[in-house]
N, C-alpha and C. Protein backbone atom coordinates (compact mmCIF):
# COMPACT_ATOMS: atom_id res chain seq x y z
N MET A 1 0.84 -1.18 0.00
CA MET A 1 0.00 0.00 0.00
C MET A 1 0.88 1.24 0.00
N GLY A 2 1.22 1.70 -1.17
CA GLY A 2 2.07 2.87 -1.29
C GLY A 2 1.29 4.16 -1.11
N GLY A 3 2.01 5.23 -1.12
CA GLY A 3 1.41 6.55 -1.01
C GLY A 3 0.87 7.02 -2.34
N PRO A 4 0.60 8.28 -2.42
CA PRO A 4 0.03 8.83 -3.66
C PRO A 4 1.03 8.71 -4.82
N VAL A 5 0.48 8.57 -6.01
CA VAL A 5 1.30 8.54 -7.21
C VAL A 5 1.23 9.93 -7.83
N ILE A 6 2.39 10.53 -8.03
CA ILE A 6 2.48 11.87 -8.59
C ILE A 6 2.94 11.76 -10.03
N LYS A 7 2.26 12.50 -10.89
CA LYS A 7 2.62 12.50 -12.31
C LYS A 7 2.70 13.95 -12.79
N GLU A 8 3.70 14.23 -13.59
CA GLU A 8 3.84 15.56 -14.20
C GLU A 8 2.95 15.61 -15.44
N ILE A 9 2.08 16.62 -15.50
CA ILE A 9 1.23 16.78 -16.68
C ILE A 9 1.47 18.14 -17.31
N SER A 10 1.24 18.20 -18.61
CA SER A 10 1.35 19.44 -19.37
C SER A 10 0.09 19.58 -20.21
N PHE A 11 -0.46 20.79 -20.23
CA PHE A 11 -1.64 21.06 -21.03
C PHE A 11 -1.73 22.56 -21.24
N LYS A 12 -2.69 22.97 -22.04
CA LYS A 12 -2.91 24.39 -22.28
C LYS A 12 -4.09 24.81 -21.42
N LEU A 13 -3.91 25.87 -20.66
CA LEU A 13 -4.96 26.39 -19.79
C LEU A 13 -5.25 27.83 -20.18
N ASN A 14 -6.45 28.05 -20.69
CA ASN A 14 -6.87 29.39 -21.12
C ASN A 14 -5.85 30.03 -22.05
N GLY A 15 -5.34 29.20 -22.97
CA GLY A 15 -4.43 29.69 -23.99
C GLY A 15 -2.96 29.67 -23.64
N ARG A 16 -2.63 29.34 -22.39
CA ARG A 16 -1.23 29.31 -21.95
C ARG A 16 -0.78 27.88 -21.68
N PRO A 17 0.43 27.52 -22.12
CA PRO A 17 0.94 26.20 -21.76
C PRO A 17 1.30 26.16 -20.27
N VAL A 18 0.90 25.10 -19.60
CA VAL A 18 1.22 24.92 -18.19
C VAL A 18 1.69 23.49 -17.94
N SER A 19 2.47 23.31 -16.90
CA SER A 19 2.93 21.99 -16.45
C SER A 19 2.88 21.99 -14.94
N CYS A 20 2.53 20.85 -14.38
CA CYS A 20 2.54 20.74 -12.92
C CYS A 20 2.48 19.28 -12.50
N PRO A 21 3.04 19.00 -11.32
CA PRO A 21 2.91 17.64 -10.78
C PRO A 21 1.54 17.50 -10.12
N VAL A 22 0.88 16.37 -10.35
CA VAL A 22 -0.43 16.15 -9.72
C VAL A 22 -0.52 14.74 -9.16
N ASP A 23 -1.24 14.64 -8.08
CA ASP A 23 -1.61 13.34 -7.53
C ASP A 23 -2.58 12.72 -8.53
N THR A 24 -2.38 11.49 -8.90
CA THR A 24 -3.22 10.87 -9.93
C THR A 24 -4.67 10.69 -9.49
N ARG A 25 -4.97 10.95 -8.23
CA ARG A 25 -6.36 10.87 -7.74
C ARG A 25 -7.05 12.22 -7.74
N LEU A 26 -6.34 13.30 -8.07
CA LEU A 26 -6.86 14.66 -8.01
C LEU A 26 -7.82 14.93 -9.16
N THR A 27 -8.95 15.57 -8.85
CA THR A 27 -9.89 15.93 -9.92
C THR A 27 -9.41 17.20 -10.63
N LEU A 28 -9.89 17.36 -11.84
CA LEU A 28 -9.57 18.57 -12.59
C LEU A 28 -10.11 19.80 -11.87
N LEU A 29 -11.29 19.70 -11.28
CA LEU A 29 -11.87 20.82 -10.54
C LEU A 29 -10.92 21.27 -9.42
N ASP A 30 -10.42 20.32 -8.64
CA ASP A 30 -9.52 20.67 -7.55
C ASP A 30 -8.21 21.26 -8.07
N LEU A 31 -7.70 20.74 -9.16
CA LEU A 31 -6.48 21.30 -9.74
C LEU A 31 -6.71 22.75 -10.17
N LEU A 32 -7.80 23.01 -10.87
CA LEU A 32 -8.08 24.36 -11.36
C LEU A 32 -8.29 25.35 -10.22
N ARG A 33 -9.04 24.95 -9.21
CA ARG A 33 -9.34 25.87 -8.11
C ARG A 33 -8.17 26.02 -7.14
N ASP A 34 -7.54 24.91 -6.77
CA ASP A 34 -6.52 24.95 -5.74
C ASP A 34 -5.12 25.31 -6.27
N SER A 35 -4.73 24.74 -7.38
CA SER A 35 -3.39 25.00 -7.90
C SER A 35 -3.32 26.25 -8.77
N PHE A 36 -4.37 26.49 -9.56
CA PHE A 36 -4.35 27.63 -10.47
C PHE A 36 -5.22 28.79 -9.98
N ARG A 37 -5.87 28.61 -8.84
CA ARG A 37 -6.67 29.66 -8.20
C ARG A 37 -7.77 30.24 -9.10
N LEU A 38 -8.32 29.41 -9.98
CA LEU A 38 -9.43 29.84 -10.84
C LEU A 38 -10.73 29.65 -10.07
N LYS A 39 -11.59 30.63 -10.12
CA LYS A 39 -12.81 30.60 -9.31
C LYS A 39 -14.07 30.30 -10.12
N SER A 40 -13.98 30.31 -11.46
CA SER A 40 -15.22 30.10 -12.22
C SER A 40 -15.77 28.68 -12.13
N PRO A 41 -14.95 27.63 -12.21
CA PRO A 41 -15.55 26.30 -12.02
C PRO A 41 -15.92 26.14 -10.54
N LYS A 42 -17.19 25.91 -10.29
CA LYS A 42 -17.70 25.82 -8.90
C LYS A 42 -17.92 24.37 -8.49
N ARG A 43 -17.76 24.13 -7.20
CA ARG A 43 -18.10 22.82 -6.66
C ARG A 43 -19.59 22.86 -6.32
N GLY A 44 -20.35 22.02 -7.01
CA GLY A 44 -21.79 21.97 -6.76
C GLY A 44 -22.17 20.62 -6.20
N CYS A 45 -22.36 19.65 -7.08
CA CYS A 45 -22.89 18.35 -6.66
C CYS A 45 -21.82 17.27 -6.52
N ASP A 46 -20.67 17.43 -7.15
CA ASP A 46 -19.62 16.41 -7.22
C ASP A 46 -20.09 15.12 -7.88
N GLU A 47 -21.14 15.20 -8.70
CA GLU A 47 -21.69 14.00 -9.36
C GLU A 47 -22.06 14.24 -10.82
N THR A 48 -21.58 15.28 -11.45
CA THR A 48 -21.87 15.66 -12.83
C THR A 48 -23.36 15.91 -13.09
N VAL A 49 -24.08 16.36 -12.09
CA VAL A 49 -25.51 16.60 -12.23
C VAL A 49 -25.84 18.07 -12.47
N CYS A 50 -25.09 18.98 -11.86
CA CYS A 50 -25.50 20.40 -11.86
C CYS A 50 -24.82 21.26 -12.91
N GLY A 51 -23.63 20.90 -13.38
CA GLY A 51 -22.92 21.67 -14.38
C GLY A 51 -22.16 22.88 -13.86
N ALA A 52 -22.15 23.09 -12.55
CA ALA A 52 -21.47 24.27 -11.99
C ALA A 52 -19.96 24.22 -12.22
N CYS A 53 -19.41 23.04 -12.39
CA CYS A 53 -17.97 22.87 -12.54
C CYS A 53 -17.54 22.76 -14.00
N ALA A 54 -18.44 23.06 -14.93
CA ALA A 54 -18.16 22.85 -16.35
C ALA A 54 -16.98 23.66 -16.85
N VAL A 55 -16.17 23.01 -17.67
CA VAL A 55 -15.06 23.64 -18.38
C VAL A 55 -15.04 23.02 -19.78
N LEU A 56 -14.32 23.66 -20.68
CA LEU A 56 -14.13 23.08 -22.01
C LEU A 56 -12.81 22.33 -22.03
N VAL A 57 -12.85 21.10 -22.51
CA VAL A 57 -11.64 20.33 -22.73
C VAL A 57 -11.64 19.98 -24.21
N ASP A 58 -10.67 20.54 -24.91
CA ASP A 58 -10.58 20.38 -26.36
C ASP A 58 -11.90 20.75 -27.04
N GLY A 59 -12.52 21.83 -26.56
CA GLY A 59 -13.73 22.37 -27.17
C GLY A 59 -15.03 21.70 -26.77
N ARG A 60 -14.96 20.74 -25.88
CA ARG A 60 -16.15 20.01 -25.45
C ARG A 60 -16.41 20.29 -23.98
N GLY A 61 -17.64 20.61 -23.64
CA GLY A 61 -17.99 20.87 -22.26
C GLY A 61 -17.97 19.60 -21.43
N ILE A 62 -17.29 19.65 -20.31
CA ILE A 62 -17.23 18.49 -19.40
C ILE A 62 -17.41 18.98 -17.97
N CYS A 63 -17.79 18.08 -17.10
CA CYS A 63 -17.87 18.39 -15.67
C CYS A 63 -16.51 18.05 -15.06
N SER A 64 -15.85 19.06 -14.53
CA SER A 64 -14.50 18.86 -14.00
C SER A 64 -14.48 18.20 -12.63
N CYS A 65 -15.65 18.03 -12.01
CA CYS A 65 -15.69 17.44 -10.67
C CYS A 65 -15.41 15.94 -10.65
N THR A 66 -15.59 15.28 -11.78
CA THR A 66 -15.35 13.84 -11.82
C THR A 66 -14.26 13.44 -12.80
N MET A 67 -13.72 14.41 -13.52
CA MET A 67 -12.61 14.11 -14.43
C MET A 67 -11.30 14.22 -13.66
N LEU A 68 -10.45 13.24 -13.83
CA LEU A 68 -9.14 13.30 -13.17
C LEU A 68 -8.24 14.29 -13.89
N ALA A 69 -7.45 15.01 -13.13
CA ALA A 69 -6.56 16.01 -13.70
C ALA A 69 -5.58 15.39 -14.70
N VAL A 70 -5.12 14.18 -14.44
CA VAL A 70 -4.15 13.54 -15.34
C VAL A 70 -4.75 13.29 -16.73
N GLU A 71 -6.07 13.28 -16.83
CA GLU A 71 -6.72 13.03 -18.12
C GLU A 71 -6.60 14.20 -19.10
N VAL A 72 -6.19 15.38 -18.63
CA VAL A 72 -6.06 16.52 -19.54
C VAL A 72 -4.65 16.65 -20.11
N GLU A 73 -3.80 15.69 -19.85
CA GLU A 73 -2.46 15.70 -20.41
C GLU A 73 -2.55 15.94 -21.92
N GLY A 74 -1.87 16.98 -22.41
CA GLY A 74 -1.83 17.28 -23.83
C GLY A 74 -3.08 17.96 -24.38
N SER A 75 -4.04 18.26 -23.53
CA SER A 75 -5.30 18.86 -23.98
C SER A 75 -5.30 20.37 -23.82
N GLU A 76 -6.37 20.97 -24.30
CA GLU A 76 -6.59 22.40 -24.10
C GLU A 76 -7.80 22.55 -23.19
N VAL A 77 -7.61 23.21 -22.05
CA VAL A 77 -8.66 23.43 -21.07
C VAL A 77 -8.99 24.92 -21.05
N VAL A 78 -10.28 25.23 -21.15
CA VAL A 78 -10.72 26.62 -21.12
C VAL A 78 -11.79 26.76 -20.04
N THR A 79 -11.59 27.74 -19.17
CA THR A 79 -12.58 28.09 -18.15
C THR A 79 -13.20 29.43 -18.54
N LEU A 80 -14.14 29.89 -17.75
CA LEU A 80 -14.77 31.18 -18.04
C LEU A 80 -13.71 32.28 -18.15
N GLU A 81 -12.67 32.20 -17.34
CA GLU A 81 -11.61 33.20 -17.36
C GLU A 81 -10.94 33.28 -18.72
N GLY A 82 -10.99 32.21 -19.50
CA GLY A 82 -10.36 32.19 -20.81
C GLY A 82 -11.27 32.59 -21.96
N LEU A 83 -12.53 32.87 -21.67
CA LEU A 83 -13.49 33.22 -22.73
C LEU A 83 -13.67 34.70 -22.95
N GLY A 84 -13.45 35.50 -21.96
CA GLY A 84 -13.64 36.94 -22.06
C GLY A 84 -13.38 37.54 -20.69
N SER A 85 -13.58 38.84 -20.59
CA SER A 85 -13.32 39.50 -19.32
C SER A 85 -14.40 40.54 -19.06
N GLU A 86 -14.35 41.12 -17.88
CA GLU A 86 -15.28 42.20 -17.55
C GLU A 86 -15.10 43.38 -18.50
N GLU A 87 -13.85 43.65 -18.83
CA GLU A 87 -13.54 44.76 -19.72
C GLU A 87 -13.90 44.44 -21.16
N GLU A 88 -13.71 43.19 -21.57
CA GLU A 88 -13.99 42.77 -22.95
C GLU A 88 -14.78 41.47 -22.95
N PRO A 89 -16.07 41.54 -22.62
CA PRO A 89 -16.88 40.32 -22.64
C PRO A 89 -17.12 39.85 -24.06
N ASN A 90 -17.23 38.55 -24.23
CA ASN A 90 -17.55 38.04 -25.56
C ASN A 90 -19.07 38.18 -25.78
N PRO A 91 -19.57 37.95 -26.98
CA PRO A 91 -21.00 38.15 -27.25
C PRO A 91 -21.93 37.33 -26.36
N LEU A 92 -21.54 36.13 -25.98
CA LEU A 92 -22.37 35.32 -25.10
C LEU A 92 -22.44 35.94 -23.70
N GLN A 93 -21.31 36.35 -23.18
CA GLN A 93 -21.29 36.99 -21.87
C GLN A 93 -22.12 38.28 -21.89
N ARG A 94 -21.97 39.04 -22.97
CA ARG A 94 -22.73 40.28 -23.11
C ARG A 94 -24.24 39.98 -23.14
N ALA A 95 -24.64 38.94 -23.88
CA ALA A 95 -26.06 38.56 -23.96
C ALA A 95 -26.59 38.15 -22.58
N PHE A 96 -25.79 37.43 -21.80
CA PHE A 96 -26.21 37.05 -20.46
C PHE A 96 -26.52 38.29 -19.62
N VAL A 97 -25.67 39.29 -19.72
CA VAL A 97 -25.88 40.52 -18.94
C VAL A 97 -27.08 41.29 -19.48
N GLU A 98 -27.11 41.51 -20.77
CA GLU A 98 -28.16 42.33 -21.38
C GLU A 98 -29.55 41.71 -21.22
N LEU A 99 -29.63 40.38 -21.23
CA LEU A 99 -30.92 39.71 -21.11
C LEU A 99 -31.21 39.25 -19.68
N ASP A 100 -30.40 39.67 -18.73
CA ASP A 100 -30.61 39.35 -17.33
C ASP A 100 -30.72 37.84 -17.11
N ALA A 101 -29.76 37.12 -17.67
CA ALA A 101 -29.77 35.66 -17.60
C ALA A 101 -29.05 35.13 -16.37
N LEU A 102 -28.98 35.93 -15.33
CA LEU A 102 -28.34 35.50 -14.10
C LEU A 102 -28.94 36.25 -12.92
N GLN A 103 -28.91 35.62 -11.78
CA GLN A 103 -29.30 36.31 -10.55
C GLN A 103 -28.17 36.18 -9.55
N CYS A 104 -28.09 35.05 -8.88
CA CYS A 104 -27.03 34.93 -7.86
C CYS A 104 -25.66 34.76 -8.50
N GLY A 105 -25.60 34.22 -9.72
CA GLY A 105 -24.35 34.07 -10.43
C GLY A 105 -23.60 32.77 -10.19
N PHE A 106 -24.06 31.95 -9.27
CA PHE A 106 -23.33 30.72 -8.95
C PHE A 106 -23.21 29.81 -10.17
N CYS A 107 -24.30 29.65 -10.92
CA CYS A 107 -24.30 28.74 -12.06
C CYS A 107 -23.79 29.38 -13.33
N THR A 108 -23.64 30.70 -13.36
CA THR A 108 -23.35 31.42 -14.60
C THR A 108 -22.11 30.92 -15.32
N PRO A 109 -20.97 30.71 -14.65
CA PRO A 109 -19.81 30.19 -15.40
C PRO A 109 -20.12 28.86 -16.09
N GLY A 110 -20.76 27.95 -15.38
CA GLY A 110 -21.10 26.65 -15.98
C GLY A 110 -22.11 26.80 -17.11
N GLN A 111 -23.06 27.71 -16.95
CA GLN A 111 -24.04 27.96 -18.01
C GLN A 111 -23.34 28.48 -19.26
N ILE A 112 -22.42 29.43 -19.09
CA ILE A 112 -21.72 30.01 -20.24
C ILE A 112 -20.80 28.98 -20.90
N ILE A 113 -20.15 28.15 -20.10
CA ILE A 113 -19.32 27.08 -20.67
C ILE A 113 -20.21 26.09 -21.42
N GLY A 114 -21.34 25.69 -20.84
CA GLY A 114 -22.26 24.77 -21.51
C GLY A 114 -22.78 25.35 -22.81
N ALA A 115 -23.14 26.62 -22.79
CA ALA A 115 -23.63 27.29 -24.00
C ALA A 115 -22.52 27.39 -25.04
N THR A 116 -21.31 27.67 -24.62
CA THR A 116 -20.18 27.76 -25.55
C THR A 116 -19.94 26.40 -26.21
N SER A 117 -20.00 25.33 -25.42
CA SER A 117 -19.83 23.99 -25.97
C SER A 117 -20.91 23.72 -27.03
N PHE A 118 -22.14 24.10 -26.74
CA PHE A 118 -23.24 23.93 -27.69
C PHE A 118 -22.97 24.76 -28.95
N LEU A 119 -22.59 26.01 -28.78
CA LEU A 119 -22.34 26.89 -29.93
C LEU A 119 -21.19 26.38 -30.79
N LEU A 120 -20.18 25.78 -30.17
CA LEU A 120 -19.07 25.20 -30.92
C LEU A 120 -19.52 24.03 -31.79
N SER A 121 -20.59 23.36 -31.39
CA SER A 121 -21.07 22.19 -32.13
C SER A 121 -21.98 22.56 -33.30
N LEU A 122 -22.38 23.82 -33.38
CA LEU A 122 -23.31 24.25 -34.43
C LEU A 122 -22.62 24.48 -35.76
N GLY A 123 -23.39 24.34 -36.79
CA GLY A 123 -22.93 24.74 -38.12
C GLY A 123 -23.59 26.06 -38.45
N GLU A 124 -24.10 26.16 -39.64
CA GLU A 124 -24.74 27.38 -40.12
C GLU A 124 -26.24 27.42 -39.83
N GLU A 125 -26.79 26.32 -39.35
CA GLU A 125 -28.24 26.23 -39.17
C GLU A 125 -28.75 27.08 -38.00
N GLU A 126 -30.01 27.44 -38.09
CA GLU A 126 -30.65 28.16 -36.99
C GLU A 126 -30.95 27.15 -35.88
N VAL A 127 -31.10 27.64 -34.67
CA VAL A 127 -31.41 26.75 -33.55
C VAL A 127 -32.78 27.11 -32.98
N SER A 128 -33.44 26.09 -32.47
CA SER A 128 -34.75 26.30 -31.85
C SER A 128 -34.58 26.38 -30.34
N GLU A 129 -35.60 26.90 -29.70
CA GLU A 129 -35.60 26.96 -28.24
C GLU A 129 -35.49 25.56 -27.65
N GLU A 130 -36.17 24.59 -28.27
CA GLU A 130 -36.11 23.21 -27.77
C GLU A 130 -34.70 22.64 -27.85
N GLU A 131 -33.98 22.93 -28.94
CA GLU A 131 -32.61 22.45 -29.08
C GLU A 131 -31.71 23.05 -28.00
N VAL A 132 -31.89 24.33 -27.74
CA VAL A 132 -31.08 24.99 -26.72
C VAL A 132 -31.41 24.43 -25.34
N ARG A 133 -32.70 24.26 -25.05
CA ARG A 133 -33.09 23.69 -23.76
C ARG A 133 -32.47 22.31 -23.56
N GLU A 134 -32.50 21.49 -24.60
CA GLU A 134 -31.91 20.15 -24.52
C GLU A 134 -30.41 20.23 -24.29
N ALA A 135 -29.75 21.10 -25.05
CA ALA A 135 -28.29 21.24 -24.92
C ALA A 135 -27.89 21.75 -23.54
N MET A 136 -28.72 22.58 -22.94
CA MET A 136 -28.40 23.19 -21.66
C MET A 136 -28.97 22.42 -20.47
N SER A 137 -29.57 21.27 -20.72
CA SER A 137 -30.25 20.53 -19.65
C SER A 137 -29.32 20.03 -18.55
N GLY A 138 -28.03 19.97 -18.80
CA GLY A 138 -27.07 19.54 -17.78
C GLY A 138 -26.59 20.65 -16.87
N ASN A 139 -27.14 21.85 -17.05
CA ASN A 139 -26.75 22.99 -16.22
C ASN A 139 -27.95 23.46 -15.41
N LEU A 140 -27.87 23.32 -14.11
CA LEU A 140 -28.97 23.70 -13.24
C LEU A 140 -28.80 25.12 -12.72
N CYS A 141 -29.92 25.85 -12.63
CA CYS A 141 -29.93 27.21 -12.10
C CYS A 141 -30.86 27.24 -10.89
N ARG A 142 -30.32 27.54 -9.73
CA ARG A 142 -31.12 27.59 -8.50
C ARG A 142 -32.12 28.73 -8.52
N CYS A 143 -31.83 29.80 -9.28
CA CYS A 143 -32.69 30.98 -9.30
C CYS A 143 -33.77 30.91 -10.36
N GLY A 144 -33.72 29.93 -11.23
CA GLY A 144 -34.75 29.76 -12.24
C GLY A 144 -34.68 30.74 -13.40
N CYS A 145 -33.49 31.07 -13.84
CA CYS A 145 -33.30 32.04 -14.94
C CYS A 145 -33.33 31.39 -16.31
N TYR A 146 -33.89 30.19 -16.42
CA TYR A 146 -33.80 29.41 -17.64
C TYR A 146 -34.30 30.15 -18.89
N ASP A 147 -35.42 30.84 -18.81
CA ASP A 147 -35.96 31.51 -20.00
C ASP A 147 -34.97 32.53 -20.54
N ASN A 148 -34.37 33.31 -19.68
CA ASN A 148 -33.41 34.32 -20.14
C ASN A 148 -32.10 33.71 -20.59
N ILE A 149 -31.70 32.61 -19.97
CA ILE A 149 -30.50 31.89 -20.41
C ILE A 149 -30.72 31.39 -21.84
N ILE A 150 -31.88 30.81 -22.09
CA ILE A 150 -32.21 30.29 -23.42
C ILE A 150 -32.18 31.44 -24.44
N LYS A 151 -32.78 32.58 -24.08
CA LYS A 151 -32.78 33.74 -24.98
C LYS A 151 -31.36 34.21 -25.28
N ALA A 152 -30.51 34.22 -24.27
CA ALA A 152 -29.12 34.65 -24.46
C ALA A 152 -28.38 33.71 -25.40
N VAL A 153 -28.61 32.42 -25.27
CA VAL A 153 -27.94 31.45 -26.13
C VAL A 153 -28.46 31.57 -27.57
N ILE A 154 -29.76 31.73 -27.73
CA ILE A 154 -30.33 31.88 -29.07
C ILE A 154 -29.80 33.16 -29.73
N ARG A 155 -29.75 34.25 -28.98
CA ARG A 155 -29.21 35.50 -29.54
C ARG A 155 -27.77 35.30 -30.00
N THR A 156 -26.98 34.64 -29.17
CA THR A 156 -25.58 34.44 -29.52
C THR A 156 -25.42 33.47 -30.68
N ALA A 157 -26.27 32.45 -30.76
CA ALA A 157 -26.23 31.52 -31.89
C ALA A 157 -26.45 32.28 -33.20
N GLU A 158 -27.32 33.27 -33.18
CA GLU A 158 -27.57 34.08 -34.37
C GLU A 158 -26.33 34.91 -34.72
N VAL A 159 -25.66 35.45 -33.72
CA VAL A 159 -24.43 36.21 -33.95
C VAL A 159 -23.38 35.31 -34.59
N VAL A 160 -23.26 34.08 -34.08
CA VAL A 160 -22.30 33.12 -34.63
C VAL A 160 -22.70 32.75 -36.06
N ARG A 161 -23.98 32.50 -36.27
CA ARG A 161 -24.48 32.11 -37.60
C ARG A 161 -24.21 33.18 -38.65
N ARG A 162 -24.34 34.44 -38.25
CA ARG A 162 -24.08 35.54 -39.17
C ARG A 162 -22.58 35.78 -39.39
N GLY A 163 -21.74 35.04 -38.68
CA GLY A 163 -20.30 35.18 -38.83
C GLY A 163 -19.71 36.38 -38.10
N GLU A 164 -20.47 36.94 -37.16
CA GLU A 164 -20.01 38.13 -36.44
C GLU A 164 -19.16 37.79 -35.22
N TRP A 165 -19.09 36.50 -34.89
CA TRP A 165 -18.24 36.06 -33.79
C TRP A 165 -17.75 34.67 -34.09
N LYS A 166 -16.46 34.51 -34.07
CA LYS A 166 -15.83 33.21 -34.28
C LYS A 166 -15.41 32.69 -32.92
N LEU A 167 -15.88 31.52 -32.59
CA LEU A 167 -15.54 30.93 -31.30
C LEU A 167 -14.10 30.42 -31.28
N ARG A 168 -13.57 30.06 -32.41
CA ARG A 168 -12.21 29.51 -32.46
C ARG A 168 -11.39 30.30 -33.40
């Protein structure tokens, strides 16, 4: 019965190459919050149910609470901090604010990451409210802002469709 196994991993975090030693039992959520001091991925359910811990890994939304940190070796990880800023919000962040798609803000980073993952999967086609609701079903909002969240995603999908914002 040995102690923890430590492995050196390298990946891209919000556009920057990073390397660090990690315990092979450490979750990606704990690595991001504790080692990199990022606050956008939140600890909610620890069971991939609420989406509060969502991040993008190679352009796909995942719940970081159950993914092991060693699994991102060689990948690109993007958190809310890597999508835009208060000074320069991206169109999705702007739509969330303009359409009042948040109240307490706890779920907002996960909602925006989930919406970004959905938007990355789109082509040129228009999206329906039902498609957005289905795509966002893994992100829970305690305040019940779902209608405005859906509106914000639909507005942003139109911006992407018109070619006014490139996600990549």
